[in-house]
Amino acid sequence: MKKTIIPAFGAMVLSGCAAMALTQPPTEFVGSLPEEWKQEFTKFNDLPPEGDRGEVRQYHFDSERSLLTIIRQLRSTRWNWQLDASKVKPALVDVACDNFGDAIAMGLGVRFWYTGAGGFVSEPVTNEACIAKKS
C-alpha cells in the first residue's frame, strides 16, 4: 500500500507545482531581434530563479516577440509590493537601457512584471525610450 501512495503523492505535488506556473501578461509588442541574438537571449529561460529578500526573480524570453520579461514575484501571499508604479516605472527604463541597451537598439523589448499584491507590469522598454532617456 505504501509503495503506491508515495509515488501518487509525489505526482500530485509535482502537478500542483506545474499548475502554479505563471501566465504571461498580454502585450501588443513585437520586436525584431536578429536570430543570433534570439539564440543568446533564449538562454535566459534556462536560468534558475534567483531569491532576494522577499522576492524571487526570474526571466522569460519570448523569441516570437523578441521580448524579455523580468519577473519579480513575492515569496509569500501575505506580503505586498510597497511600490508606487508611477515612480518606479521611469527607473525601470534606466535599468533596461543600462543593462540591455545594445540589444534594445537591435529590436529587443524589455518589460518588468511585479507579481503579487500591489504588483504591476511595465510597458516594454524600446529603443525610442532609451533614446528619449539620453536626451
N, C-alpha and C. Protein backbone atom coordinates (compact mmCIF):
# COMPACT_ATOMS: atom_id res chain seq x y z
N MET A 1 0.83 -1.19 0.00
CA MET A 1 0.00 0.00 0.00
C MET A 1 0.87 1.26 0.00
N LYS A 2 1.93 1.27 0.85
CA LYS A 2 2.81 2.44 0.93
C LYS A 2 3.53 2.67 -0.40
N LYS A 3 3.81 1.58 -1.11
CA LYS A 3 4.54 1.71 -2.36
C LYS A 3 3.72 2.45 -3.42
N THR A 4 2.41 2.41 -3.35
CA THR A 4 1.58 3.12 -4.33
C THR A 4 1.21 4.52 -3.85
N ILE A 5 1.14 4.73 -2.55
CA ILE A 5 0.75 6.04 -2.02
C ILE A 5 1.87 7.07 -2.24
N ILE A 6 3.09 6.69 -1.98
CA ILE A 6 4.21 7.64 -2.09
C ILE A 6 4.37 8.14 -3.53
N PRO A 7 4.42 7.28 -4.55
CA PRO A 7 4.51 7.81 -5.92
C PRO A 7 3.29 8.66 -6.31
N ALA A 8 2.12 8.26 -5.87
CA ALA A 8 0.92 9.04 -6.20
C ALA A 8 0.98 10.41 -5.55
N PHE A 9 1.45 10.47 -4.31
CA PHE A 9 1.59 11.76 -3.62
C PHE A 9 2.63 12.62 -4.32
N GLY A 10 3.74 12.02 -4.73
CA GLY A 10 4.78 12.76 -5.45
C GLY A 10 4.26 13.33 -6.75
N ALA A 11 3.48 12.56 -7.48
CA ALA A 11 2.90 13.04 -8.74
C ALA A 11 1.93 14.18 -8.49
N MET A 12 1.16 14.08 -7.40
CA MET A 12 0.20 15.14 -7.06
C MET A 12 0.93 16.43 -6.72
N VAL A 13 2.02 16.36 -5.95
CA VAL A 13 2.78 17.54 -5.58
C VAL A 13 3.40 18.18 -6.82
N LEU A 14 3.99 17.36 -7.69
CA LEU A 14 4.61 17.90 -8.90
C LEU A 14 3.58 18.53 -9.84
N SER A 15 2.42 17.93 -9.96
CA SER A 15 1.41 18.53 -10.83
C SER A 15 0.88 19.82 -10.23
N GLY A 16 0.86 19.93 -8.90
CA GLY A 16 0.48 21.17 -8.25
C GLY A 16 1.46 22.27 -8.54
N CYS A 17 2.76 21.95 -8.57
CA CYS A 17 3.78 22.95 -8.90
C CYS A 17 3.62 23.42 -10.34
N ALA A 18 3.33 22.49 -11.24
CA ALA A 18 3.17 22.87 -12.64
C ALA A 18 1.94 23.76 -12.81
N ALA A 19 0.91 23.52 -12.01
CA ALA A 19 -0.30 24.33 -12.12
C ALA A 19 -0.07 25.76 -11.66
N MET A 20 0.97 25.99 -10.86
CA MET A 20 1.25 27.32 -10.35
C MET A 20 2.13 28.13 -11.30
N ALA A 21 2.42 27.61 -12.48
CA ALA A 21 3.25 28.33 -13.45
C ALA A 21 2.56 29.65 -13.79
N LEU A 22 3.35 30.68 -13.96
CA LEU A 22 2.82 32.00 -14.25
C LEU A 22 2.40 32.13 -15.70
N THR A 23 1.28 32.76 -15.92
CA THR A 23 0.83 33.06 -17.27
C THR A 23 1.25 34.50 -17.58
N GLN A 24 1.98 34.68 -18.66
CA GLN A 24 2.49 35.99 -19.02
C GLN A 24 1.35 36.97 -19.28
N PRO A 25 1.51 38.22 -18.83
CA PRO A 25 0.50 39.24 -19.15
C PRO A 25 0.50 39.51 -20.66
N PRO A 26 -0.65 39.87 -21.21
CA PRO A 26 -0.72 40.13 -22.64
C PRO A 26 0.06 41.40 -23.02
N THR A 27 0.49 41.45 -24.27
CA THR A 27 1.18 42.62 -24.79
C THR A 27 0.99 42.70 -26.29
N GLU A 28 1.05 43.89 -26.81
CA GLU A 28 0.98 44.12 -28.25
C GLU A 28 2.37 44.19 -28.87
N PHE A 29 3.42 44.20 -28.03
CA PHE A 29 4.77 44.41 -28.50
C PHE A 29 5.24 43.26 -29.40
N VAL A 30 5.85 43.62 -30.52
CA VAL A 30 6.54 42.66 -31.39
C VAL A 30 7.83 43.33 -31.83
N GLY A 31 8.96 42.76 -31.40
CA GLY A 31 10.25 43.31 -31.76
C GLY A 31 10.85 42.61 -32.96
N SER A 32 12.09 42.97 -33.26
CA SER A 32 12.74 42.42 -34.46
C SER A 32 14.19 42.07 -34.19
N LEU A 33 14.43 41.39 -33.09
CA LEU A 33 15.78 41.00 -32.73
C LEU A 33 16.33 39.99 -33.74
N PRO A 34 17.58 40.16 -34.21
CA PRO A 34 18.16 39.19 -35.15
C PRO A 34 18.22 37.78 -34.54
N GLU A 35 18.18 36.80 -35.40
CA GLU A 35 18.11 35.39 -34.97
C GLU A 35 19.26 34.99 -34.05
N GLU A 36 20.48 35.43 -34.35
CA GLU A 36 21.62 35.05 -33.49
C GLU A 36 21.49 35.65 -32.10
N TRP A 37 20.89 36.83 -31.99
CA TRP A 37 20.67 37.43 -30.67
C TRP A 37 19.55 36.68 -29.94
N LYS A 38 18.53 36.25 -30.69
CA LYS A 38 17.44 35.48 -30.08
C LYS A 38 17.99 34.21 -29.43
N GLN A 39 18.93 33.56 -30.10
CA GLN A 39 19.51 32.34 -29.55
C GLN A 39 20.22 32.63 -28.23
N GLU A 40 20.89 33.75 -28.14
CA GLU A 40 21.57 34.12 -26.89
C GLU A 40 20.56 34.43 -25.79
N PHE A 41 19.51 35.16 -26.12
CA PHE A 41 18.52 35.54 -25.11
C PHE A 41 17.66 34.37 -24.68
N THR A 42 17.54 33.34 -25.50
CA THR A 42 16.79 32.15 -25.11
C THR A 42 17.43 31.48 -23.89
N LYS A 43 18.71 31.70 -23.69
CA LYS A 43 19.41 31.12 -22.53
C LYS A 43 18.86 31.66 -21.21
N PHE A 44 18.23 32.84 -21.23
CA PHE A 44 17.63 33.38 -20.02
C PHE A 44 16.53 32.46 -19.49
N ASN A 45 15.84 31.75 -20.38
CA ASN A 45 14.77 30.85 -19.97
C ASN A 45 15.28 29.66 -19.16
N ASP A 46 16.57 29.36 -19.28
CA ASP A 46 17.15 28.22 -18.57
C ASP A 46 17.76 28.60 -17.22
N LEU A 47 17.83 29.89 -16.93
CA LEU A 47 18.40 30.32 -15.65
C LEU A 47 17.47 29.95 -14.51
N PRO A 48 18.01 29.44 -13.40
CA PRO A 48 17.15 29.13 -12.26
C PRO A 48 16.67 30.42 -11.61
N PRO A 49 15.51 30.39 -10.97
CA PRO A 49 15.03 31.58 -10.25
C PRO A 49 16.04 32.01 -9.19
N GLU A 50 16.15 33.32 -8.99
CA GLU A 50 17.07 33.88 -8.00
C GLU A 50 16.26 34.44 -6.84
N GLY A 51 16.62 34.07 -5.63
CA GLY A 51 15.94 34.60 -4.46
C GLY A 51 16.66 35.81 -3.90
N ASP A 52 15.89 36.81 -3.47
CA ASP A 52 16.47 38.01 -2.87
C ASP A 52 15.44 38.58 -1.91
N ARG A 53 15.78 38.61 -0.65
CA ARG A 53 14.88 39.10 0.39
C ARG A 53 13.52 38.44 0.26
N GLY A 54 12.47 39.21 0.01
CA GLY A 54 11.13 38.66 -0.03
C GLY A 54 10.63 38.35 -1.42
N GLU A 55 11.53 38.25 -2.39
CA GLU A 55 11.10 38.03 -3.75
C GLU A 55 11.93 36.96 -4.44
N VAL A 56 11.37 36.46 -5.53
CA VAL A 56 12.07 35.55 -6.42
C VAL A 56 12.07 36.22 -7.79
N ARG A 57 13.23 36.26 -8.42
CA ARG A 57 13.38 36.91 -9.73
C ARG A 57 13.70 35.83 -10.76
N GLN A 58 13.02 35.91 -11.88
CA GLN A 58 13.30 35.00 -12.98
C GLN A 58 13.07 35.76 -14.30
N TYR A 59 13.48 35.12 -15.38
CA TYR A 59 13.43 35.75 -16.69
C TYR A 59 12.66 34.87 -17.66
N HIS A 60 11.97 35.52 -18.58
CA HIS A 60 11.30 34.78 -19.65
C HIS A 60 11.51 35.54 -20.95
N PHE A 61 12.12 34.86 -21.92
CA PHE A 61 12.34 35.46 -23.24
C PHE A 61 11.39 34.82 -24.23
N ASP A 62 10.58 35.64 -24.89
CA ASP A 62 9.65 35.19 -25.93
C ASP A 62 10.32 35.50 -27.27
N SER A 63 10.83 34.47 -27.94
CA SER A 63 11.58 34.69 -29.18
C SER A 63 10.68 35.15 -30.32
N GLU A 64 9.41 34.79 -30.30
CA GLU A 64 8.50 35.25 -31.36
C GLU A 64 8.28 36.75 -31.29
N ARG A 65 8.26 37.29 -30.09
CA ARG A 65 8.02 38.73 -29.90
C ARG A 65 9.32 39.51 -29.66
N SER A 66 10.42 38.82 -29.49
CA SER A 66 11.70 39.45 -29.11
C SER A 66 11.51 40.28 -27.84
N LEU A 67 10.87 39.65 -26.85
CA LEU A 67 10.52 40.33 -25.61
C LEU A 67 11.08 39.59 -24.40
N LEU A 68 11.86 40.29 -23.60
CA LEU A 68 12.39 39.75 -22.36
C LEU A 68 11.55 40.29 -21.21
N THR A 69 10.96 39.40 -20.43
CA THR A 69 10.18 39.79 -19.26
C THR A 69 10.99 39.43 -18.03
N ILE A 70 11.24 40.42 -17.19
CA ILE A 70 11.93 40.20 -15.92
C ILE A 70 10.84 40.14 -14.87
N ILE A 71 10.69 38.96 -14.29
CA ILE A 71 9.58 38.68 -13.37
C ILE A 71 10.10 38.76 -11.94
N ARG A 72 9.44 39.57 -11.13
CA ARG A 72 9.77 39.67 -9.71
C ARG A 72 8.51 39.25 -8.95
N GLN A 73 8.60 38.10 -8.30
CA GLN A 73 7.44 37.50 -7.66
C GLN A 73 7.65 37.48 -6.15
N LEU A 74 6.61 37.87 -5.40
CA LEU A 74 6.68 37.82 -3.95
C LEU A 74 6.75 36.38 -3.49
N ARG A 75 7.52 36.15 -2.43
CA ARG A 75 7.65 34.78 -1.90
C ARG A 75 6.42 34.34 -1.12
N SER A 76 5.72 35.29 -0.56
CA SER A 76 4.58 34.96 0.29
C SER A 76 3.37 35.78 -0.11
N THR A 77 2.19 35.17 -0.05
CA THR A 77 0.96 35.89 -0.36
C THR A 77 0.60 36.89 0.73
N ARG A 78 1.25 36.81 1.88
CA ARG A 78 0.96 37.76 2.96
C ARG A 78 1.62 39.11 2.71
N TRP A 79 2.60 39.14 1.84
CA TRP A 79 3.32 40.38 1.58
C TRP A 79 2.71 41.09 0.39
N ASN A 80 3.02 42.39 0.28
CA ASN A 80 2.64 43.11 -0.93
C ASN A 80 3.73 44.09 -1.30
N TRP A 81 3.71 44.49 -2.53
CA TRP A 81 4.70 45.45 -3.01
C TRP A 81 4.32 46.82 -2.47
N GLN A 82 5.25 47.46 -1.84
CA GLN A 82 5.05 48.83 -1.36
C GLN A 82 5.64 49.78 -2.40
N LEU A 83 5.09 49.71 -3.59
CA LEU A 83 5.63 50.47 -4.72
C LEU A 83 4.58 51.42 -5.26
N ASP A 84 5.03 52.59 -5.66
CA ASP A 84 4.21 53.50 -6.42
C ASP A 84 4.65 53.33 -7.87
N ALA A 85 3.84 52.64 -8.66
CA ALA A 85 4.24 52.29 -10.02
C ALA A 85 4.64 53.52 -10.84
N SER A 86 3.98 54.64 -10.63
CA SER A 86 4.31 55.83 -11.41
C SER A 86 5.71 56.35 -11.10
N LYS A 87 6.21 56.07 -9.90
CA LYS A 87 7.56 56.50 -9.53
C LYS A 87 8.61 55.46 -9.92
N VAL A 88 8.22 54.20 -9.93
CA VAL A 88 9.15 53.11 -10.22
C VAL A 88 9.40 52.95 -11.72
N LYS A 89 8.38 53.11 -12.53
CA LYS A 89 8.50 52.84 -13.97
C LYS A 89 9.60 53.65 -14.66
N PRO A 90 9.79 54.94 -14.37
CA PRO A 90 10.91 55.65 -15.03
C PRO A 90 12.28 55.05 -14.68
N ALA A 91 12.45 54.57 -13.46
CA ALA A 91 13.71 53.94 -13.07
C ALA A 91 13.92 52.63 -13.81
N LEU A 92 12.84 51.93 -14.15
CA LEU A 92 12.94 50.68 -14.87
C LEU A 92 13.46 50.90 -16.29
N VAL A 93 13.11 52.03 -16.89
CA VAL A 93 13.65 52.37 -18.21
C VAL A 93 15.16 52.51 -18.11
N ASP A 94 15.63 53.18 -17.06
CA ASP A 94 17.08 53.33 -16.86
C ASP A 94 17.76 51.97 -16.73
N VAL A 95 17.17 51.09 -15.91
CA VAL A 95 17.76 49.76 -15.69
C VAL A 95 17.82 48.98 -17.00
N ALA A 96 16.72 48.98 -17.74
CA ALA A 96 16.68 48.23 -19.00
C ALA A 96 17.69 48.78 -20.01
N CYS A 97 17.73 50.10 -20.15
CA CYS A 97 18.64 50.71 -21.14
C CYS A 97 20.10 50.51 -20.74
N ASP A 98 20.39 50.59 -19.45
CA ASP A 98 21.76 50.40 -18.98
C ASP A 98 22.24 48.96 -19.15
N ASN A 99 21.36 48.01 -18.91
CA ASN A 99 21.75 46.59 -18.94
C ASN A 99 21.58 45.92 -20.30
N PHE A 100 20.64 46.39 -21.10
CA PHE A 100 20.33 45.72 -22.37
C PHE A 100 20.30 46.69 -23.54
N GLY A 101 20.96 47.84 -23.42
CA GLY A 101 20.89 48.90 -24.43
C GLY A 101 21.22 48.46 -25.84
N ASP A 102 22.30 47.70 -26.01
CA ASP A 102 22.68 47.25 -27.36
C ASP A 102 21.62 46.35 -27.97
N ALA A 103 21.09 45.44 -27.18
CA ALA A 103 20.06 44.53 -27.69
C ALA A 103 18.75 45.27 -27.95
N ILE A 104 18.43 46.24 -27.10
CA ILE A 104 17.22 47.04 -27.31
C ILE A 104 17.35 47.80 -28.63
N ALA A 105 18.52 48.33 -28.90
CA ALA A 105 18.76 49.05 -30.16
C ALA A 105 18.59 48.12 -31.37
N MET A 106 18.81 46.82 -31.17
CA MET A 106 18.67 45.84 -32.26
C MET A 106 17.24 45.32 -32.41
N GLY A 107 16.33 45.67 -31.48
CA GLY A 107 14.93 45.25 -31.61
C GLY A 107 14.36 44.50 -30.43
N LEU A 108 15.12 44.37 -29.34
CA LEU A 108 14.61 43.71 -28.13
C LEU A 108 13.69 44.64 -27.36
N GLY A 109 12.67 44.08 -26.75
CA GLY A 109 11.83 44.80 -25.80
C GLY A 109 12.07 44.20 -24.43
N VAL A 110 12.11 45.02 -23.40
CA VAL A 110 12.30 44.54 -22.03
C VAL A 110 11.18 45.12 -21.17
N ARG A 111 10.49 44.24 -20.47
CA ARG A 111 9.47 44.71 -19.54
C ARG A 111 9.69 44.07 -18.18
N PHE A 112 9.12 44.69 -17.17
CA PHE A 112 9.25 44.23 -15.80
C PHE A 112 7.85 43.88 -15.31
N TRP A 113 7.76 42.73 -14.63
CA TRP A 113 6.48 42.28 -14.12
C TRP A 113 6.63 41.99 -12.63
N TYR A 114 5.99 42.79 -11.82
CA TYR A 114 5.95 42.60 -10.38
C TYR A 114 4.66 41.86 -10.08
N THR A 115 4.76 40.58 -9.69
CA THR A 115 3.56 39.79 -9.43
C THR A 115 3.25 39.80 -7.95
N GLY A 116 1.99 39.67 -7.64
CA GLY A 116 1.56 39.66 -6.25
C GLY A 116 0.79 40.92 -5.93
N ALA A 117 0.41 41.04 -4.67
CA ALA A 117 -0.40 42.17 -4.22
C ALA A 117 0.34 43.49 -4.45
N GLY A 118 -0.33 44.41 -5.10
CA GLY A 118 0.26 45.70 -5.38
C GLY A 118 1.22 45.67 -6.55
N GLY A 119 1.23 44.58 -7.32
CA GLY A 119 2.15 44.45 -8.43
C GLY A 119 1.64 45.13 -9.69
N PHE A 120 2.48 45.13 -10.71
CA PHE A 120 2.13 45.72 -11.99
C PHE A 120 3.07 45.17 -13.05
N VAL A 121 2.73 45.44 -14.28
CA VAL A 121 3.61 45.10 -15.40
C VAL A 121 3.89 46.39 -16.16
N SER A 122 5.15 46.60 -16.51
CA SER A 122 5.52 47.82 -17.22
C SER A 122 5.32 47.63 -18.71
N GLU A 123 5.26 48.73 -19.41
CA GLU A 123 5.27 48.69 -20.87
C GLU A 123 6.67 48.25 -21.30
N PRO A 124 6.79 47.57 -22.43
CA PRO A 124 8.13 47.18 -22.89
C PRO A 124 8.99 48.42 -23.17
N VAL A 125 10.23 48.35 -22.70
CA VAL A 125 11.20 49.41 -22.97
C VAL A 125 11.75 49.16 -24.37
N THR A 126 11.70 50.18 -25.21
CA THR A 126 12.15 50.08 -26.59
C THR A 126 13.30 51.04 -26.82
N ASN A 127 13.84 50.98 -28.01
CA ASN A 127 14.95 51.87 -28.37
C ASN A 127 14.53 53.34 -28.28
N GLU A 128 13.29 53.64 -28.63
CA GLU A 128 12.79 55.01 -28.55
C GLU A 128 12.85 55.52 -27.12
N ALA A 129 12.50 54.67 -26.15
CA ALA A 129 12.55 55.07 -24.73
C ALA A 129 13.99 55.31 -24.29
N CYS A 130 14.92 54.50 -24.77
CA CYS A 130 16.33 54.68 -24.40
C CYS A 130 16.89 55.96 -25.02
N ILE A 131 16.50 56.26 -26.24
CA ILE A 131 16.95 57.49 -26.89
C ILE A 131 16.39 58.70 -26.16
N ALA A 132 15.11 58.64 -25.79
CA ALA A 132 14.47 59.73 -25.06
C ALA A 132 15.13 59.94 -23.70
N LYS A 133 15.57 58.85 -23.07
CA LYS A 133 16.22 58.93 -21.76
C LYS A 133 17.54 59.69 -21.87
N LYS A 134 18.25 59.50 -22.99
CA LYS A 134 19.55 60.16 -23.19
C LYS A 134 19.40 61.66 -23.45
N SER A 135 18.24 62.04 -23.98
CA SER A 135 18.03 63.45 -24.34
C SER A 135 17.87 64.35 -23.13
